[in-house]
Amino acid sequence: MKLYFKEKYIGDILDANREGSWVYGIFKPTGNYEKYKTFFEALTNEDNVFDEGQFDAEWLDESNWYIADDQGNKEGIEIPAVYPDGDINWRWR
């Protein structure tokens, strides 16, 4: 599977599994990930309050996030949680 923001390919998702309404896996970023790295770090850092105002409003719009399967079929997701250790979690929209 592949993670997309709009039409931008951000990285691959390996070993995806489901637990309740959450899906999780291992995230392997592409070079496009660097643009979003600070956003994901802020989103997943439980020690800090997330400040929506410091990020592009389009990044906070869930309609811009997708997962594509191996055939290229895209399905919408909520904003994914991409952790510095390579874990990724999301829920389907």
Protein backbone atom coordinates (compact mmCIF):
# COMPACT_ATOMS: atom_id res chain seq x y z
CA MET A 1 0.00 0.00 0.00
CA LYS A 2 1.02 3.60 -0.53
CA LEU A 3 0.27 6.78 1.42
CA TYR A 4 -0.78 9.87 -0.56
CA PHE A 5 -1.49 13.48 0.26
CA LYS A 6 -3.60 14.65 -2.68
CA GLU A 7 -1.59 13.32 -5.64
CA LYS A 8 1.75 13.36 -3.77
CA TYR A 9 3.15 9.89 -3.01
CA ILE A 10 4.56 10.08 0.54
CA GLY A 11 5.63 6.50 1.25
CA ASP A 12 4.92 2.78 1.39
CA ILE A 13 3.02 0.94 4.10
CA LEU A 14 4.17 -2.59 4.92
CA ASP A 15 2.68 -5.31 7.13
CA ALA A 16 -0.72 -3.61 7.51
CA ASN A 17 -2.98 -5.08 10.20
CA ARG A 18 -6.35 -4.11 11.64
CA GLU A 19 -7.27 -3.75 15.30
CA GLY A 20 -10.83 -2.58 15.80
CA SER A 21 -11.36 0.52 13.67
CA TRP A 22 -7.61 1.25 13.46
CA VAL A 23 -5.21 -0.01 10.82
CA TYR A 24 -1.50 0.04 11.50
CA GLY A 25 1.71 -0.91 9.77
CA ILE A 26 5.31 0.04 9.06
CA PHE A 27 5.91 3.25 7.10
CA LYS A 28 8.76 3.56 4.58
CA PRO A 29 8.98 7.20 3.45
CA THR A 30 9.91 8.56 0.04
CA GLY A 31 11.81 11.82 -0.45
CA ASN A 32 8.42 13.59 -0.51
CA TYR A 33 7.99 12.79 3.20
CA GLU A 34 10.47 15.46 4.35
CA LYS A 35 7.92 18.21 3.64
CA TYR A 36 5.46 16.60 6.11
CA LYS A 37 7.91 15.29 8.72
CA THR A 38 7.49 18.20 11.18
CA PHE A 39 3.70 17.95 10.82
CA PHE A 40 3.66 14.26 11.73
CA GLU A 41 6.11 14.76 14.58
CA ALA A 42 3.88 17.48 16.07
CA LEU A 43 0.76 15.36 15.51
CA THR A 44 2.17 12.31 17.32
CA ASN A 45 4.09 14.05 20.14
CA GLU A 46 1.95 13.47 23.22
CA ASP A 47 4.12 15.80 25.34
CA ASN A 48 3.16 18.91 23.35
CA VAL A 49 -0.13 20.58 22.45
CA PHE A 50 -0.76 20.37 18.71
CA ASP A 51 -1.06 23.86 17.20
CA GLU A 52 -3.15 23.64 14.02
CA GLY A 53 -2.25 27.23 13.11
CA GLN A 54 1.37 26.40 12.37
CA PHE A 55 0.51 24.01 9.51
CA ASP A 56 -1.05 24.30 6.07
CA ALA A 57 -4.85 24.04 6.37
CA GLU A 58 -4.89 21.54 3.48
CA TRP A 59 -2.82 19.13 5.60
CA LEU A 60 -5.58 19.19 8.22
CA ASP A 61 -8.30 18.44 5.66
CA GLU A 62 -8.95 14.71 5.84
CA SER A 63 -10.33 14.66 2.30
CA ASN A 64 -6.73 15.11 1.05
CA TRP A 65 -5.34 11.86 2.56
CA TYR A 66 -5.51 8.47 0.78
CA ILE A 67 -4.14 4.97 0.79
CA ALA A 68 -3.64 3.28 -2.59
CA ASP A 69 -3.56 -0.48 -3.04
CA ASP A 70 -1.24 -2.35 -5.40
CA GLN A 71 -3.67 -1.77 -8.30
CA GLY A 72 -3.67 2.00 -7.71
CA ASN A 73 -7.19 2.13 -6.22
CA LYS A 74 -7.34 4.95 -3.66
CA GLU A 75 -9.47 4.98 -0.53
CA GLY A 76 -9.82 7.95 1.81
CA ILE A 77 -8.43 7.92 5.32
CA GLU A 78 -8.43 10.24 8.29
CA ILE A 79 -5.16 12.09 8.85
CA PRO A 80 -2.63 9.32 9.52
CA ALA A 81 -0.36 9.18 12.55
CA VAL A 82 3.19 8.61 11.30
CA TYR A 83 5.61 8.09 14.18
CA PRO A 84 9.38 8.74 14.14
CA ASP A 85 10.06 5.02 14.72
CA GLY A 86 8.31 4.13 11.44
CA ASP A 87 4.92 3.06 12.78
CA ILE A 88 1.81 4.36 11.00
CA ASN A 89 -1.81 4.24 12.17
CA TRP A 90 -4.99 5.38 10.41
CA ARG A 91 -8.72 4.89 10.14
CA TRP A 92 -10.68 4.61 6.90
CA ARG A 93 -13.15 7.39 6.13
